[in-house]
Structures are given as C-alpha cells and as structure tokens.
Protein backbone atom coordinates (compact mmCIF):
# COMPACT_ATOMS: atom_id res chain seq x y z
CA MET A 1 -7.59 103.28 186.47
CA ALA A 2 -10.58 104.76 184.64
CA SER A 3 -11.72 108.24 185.50
CA ASP A 4 -15.34 108.87 186.41
CA GLN A 5 -15.04 112.54 185.53
CA GLY A 6 -17.41 113.69 182.84
CA TYR A 7 -16.99 116.65 180.60
CA GLU A 8 -19.10 119.46 179.31
CA GLU A 9 -18.93 120.63 175.72
CA SER A 10 -18.02 124.25 175.17
CA SER A 11 -20.50 126.72 173.79
CA GLY A 12 -17.70 128.05 171.61
CA ASN A 13 -17.11 131.01 173.91
CA ILE A 14 -15.04 130.19 176.98
CA PHE A 15 -16.12 133.44 178.61
CA ALA A 16 -19.79 132.44 178.34
CA ASP A 17 -18.93 128.97 179.64
CA LEU A 18 -17.42 130.67 182.69
CA GLY A 19 -20.62 132.68 183.17
CA LEU A 20 -19.07 136.12 182.65
CA ASP A 21 -21.52 138.96 182.03
CA ASN A 22 -19.66 140.48 179.08
CA ALA A 23 -18.81 137.18 177.41
CA GLU A 24 -19.51 138.28 173.84
CA GLU A 25 -17.31 141.38 174.12
CA LEU A 26 -14.53 139.36 175.76
CA GLY A 27 -14.78 136.78 172.98
CA LEU A 28 -14.47 139.52 170.37
CA ARG A 29 -11.52 141.14 172.16
CA SER A 30 -9.83 137.75 172.39
CA SER A 31 -10.34 137.09 168.67
CA LEU A 32 -8.91 140.50 167.81
CA ALA A 33 -5.88 139.95 170.06
CA ILE A 34 -5.25 136.56 168.42
CA GLU A 35 -5.43 138.17 164.97
CA LEU A 36 -3.09 140.91 166.17
CA ARG A 37 -0.55 138.30 167.28
CA ARG A 38 -0.84 136.42 163.95
CA THR A 39 -0.41 139.63 161.98
CA LEU A 40 2.67 140.71 163.93
CA LYS A 41 4.22 137.28 163.41
CA SER A 42 3.41 137.18 159.68
CA GLN A 43 4.90 140.66 159.20
CA GLY A 44 8.00 139.75 161.21
CA LEU A 45 7.52 142.62 163.65
CA THR A 46 8.96 142.59 167.15
CA GLN A 47 6.83 144.00 169.93
CA ARG A 48 9.05 147.08 170.06
CA MET A 49 8.75 147.70 166.31
CA ALA A 50 4.99 147.08 166.38
CA ALA A 51 4.45 149.35 169.39
CA ALA A 52 6.13 152.23 167.55
CA GLN A 53 3.95 151.60 164.48
CA LEU A 54 0.79 151.34 166.63
CA ASN A 55 1.51 154.46 168.72
CA THR A 56 1.57 152.52 171.99
CA THR A 57 4.20 151.20 174.36
CA GLN A 58 5.86 147.80 174.15
CA PRO A 59 4.70 146.88 177.70
CA THR A 60 1.06 147.65 176.82
CA LEU A 61 1.27 145.65 173.61
CA SER A 62 2.94 142.77 175.44
CA LYS A 63 0.17 142.66 178.04
CA VAL A 64 -2.53 142.59 175.36
CA LEU A 65 -0.73 139.83 173.46
CA ARG A 66 -0.47 137.81 176.69
CA GLY A 67 -4.23 138.00 177.19
CA ASP A 68 -4.79 141.16 179.23
CA ILE A 69 -7.53 142.07 176.79
CA ASP A 70 -9.23 144.59 179.08
CA ARG A 71 -6.16 146.82 178.85
CA VAL A 72 -7.34 148.48 175.61
CA SER A 73 -10.70 149.26 174.05
CA LEU A 74 -12.27 147.50 171.10
CA GLU A 75 -11.71 150.68 169.10
CA THR A 76 -7.99 150.55 169.88
CA LEU A 77 -7.78 146.92 168.75
CA PHE A 78 -9.61 147.85 165.54
CA ALA A 79 -7.22 150.77 164.98
CA TRP A 80 -4.12 148.64 165.61
CA LEU A 81 -5.25 146.05 163.08
CA ARG A 82 -5.98 148.78 160.52
CA LEU A 83 -2.51 150.26 161.08
CA LEU A 84 -1.11 146.80 160.30
CA GLY A 85 -2.99 146.70 157.00
CA LYS A 86 -6.06 144.71 158.09
CA ARG A 87 -9.66 145.60 157.34
CA VAL A 88 -12.05 145.05 160.25
CA GLU A 89 -15.76 144.72 159.49
CA TYR A 90 -18.85 144.06 161.52
CA ARG A 91 -22.34 142.91 160.62
CA ILE A 92 -25.65 143.97 162.10
CA CYS A 93 -28.70 141.82 161.42
CA ASP A 94 -32.02 140.89 162.90
CA ALA A 95 -31.55 138.89 166.12
CA ARG A 96 -34.28 136.47 165.01
CA GLY A 97 -32.04 135.26 162.21
CA ASN A 98 -33.57 137.26 159.38
CA ASN A 99 -30.49 138.22 157.36
CA ALA A 100 -32.51 139.92 154.64
CA GLN A 101 -31.56 143.37 155.91
CA ALA A 102 -28.07 142.63 157.23
CA VAL A 103 -25.77 145.64 157.18
CA TRP A 104 -22.00 145.33 156.80
CA ARG A 105 -19.80 148.15 157.99
CA GLU A 106 -16.08 148.68 158.23
CA ALA A 107 -14.91 149.39 161.77
CA ARG A 108 -13.23 152.79 161.80
C-alpha cells in the first residue's frame, strides 16, 4: 500500500525546523556535544575519567552526552573541548555575505 504522506526537506538545523527561538545556539551546542562524544571515544576515556579531567561530575557529563545540551553553557563546552586538546574557533563576518573583513578568533 503506497503512502500519501509527503515530506519536508530539512533546513540543516533541526531546531530551526521545529521553530525554536534559539535554534542557532541549540545547533551549535549540539555540534559541540557531538564533537565532545567523538573526542572522548577517540581518546578512550570513560565518562568517569573524562569528568575528572573536565572538572565536572559524571552525571552532568552523561546528561550532556545524551542530549541535555542546556545543562551547560557554550563556554563550558568550549572549555571541555580545550581540556581534551581541541582548538575551538569562531568566525565573525558581515551578515550580507561580504567575507572581506571576516575575523577568526579562538574561543577561550
């Protein structure tokens, strides 16, 4: 039996697709949490070992890794990734697409 249900293509940000007000920040937090998970796996760290290295608790880290991305600030996610040996950068440029004066900074 064929389905008559259509589909809608994603904008690339599920949070925007859901109509959430802070979709860009949530997308960034999600990307950072995914990178955090990848980094922990690649370094062979358990949540308990990582929590000690990141100066947090294992339950807090576990919640973030399971998607509770509002539990910690962007600054905390940046700091955790730095503590794991990652470099986090951001770019500021003209919103009209003029990249001539783009500025790259390392998140501290």
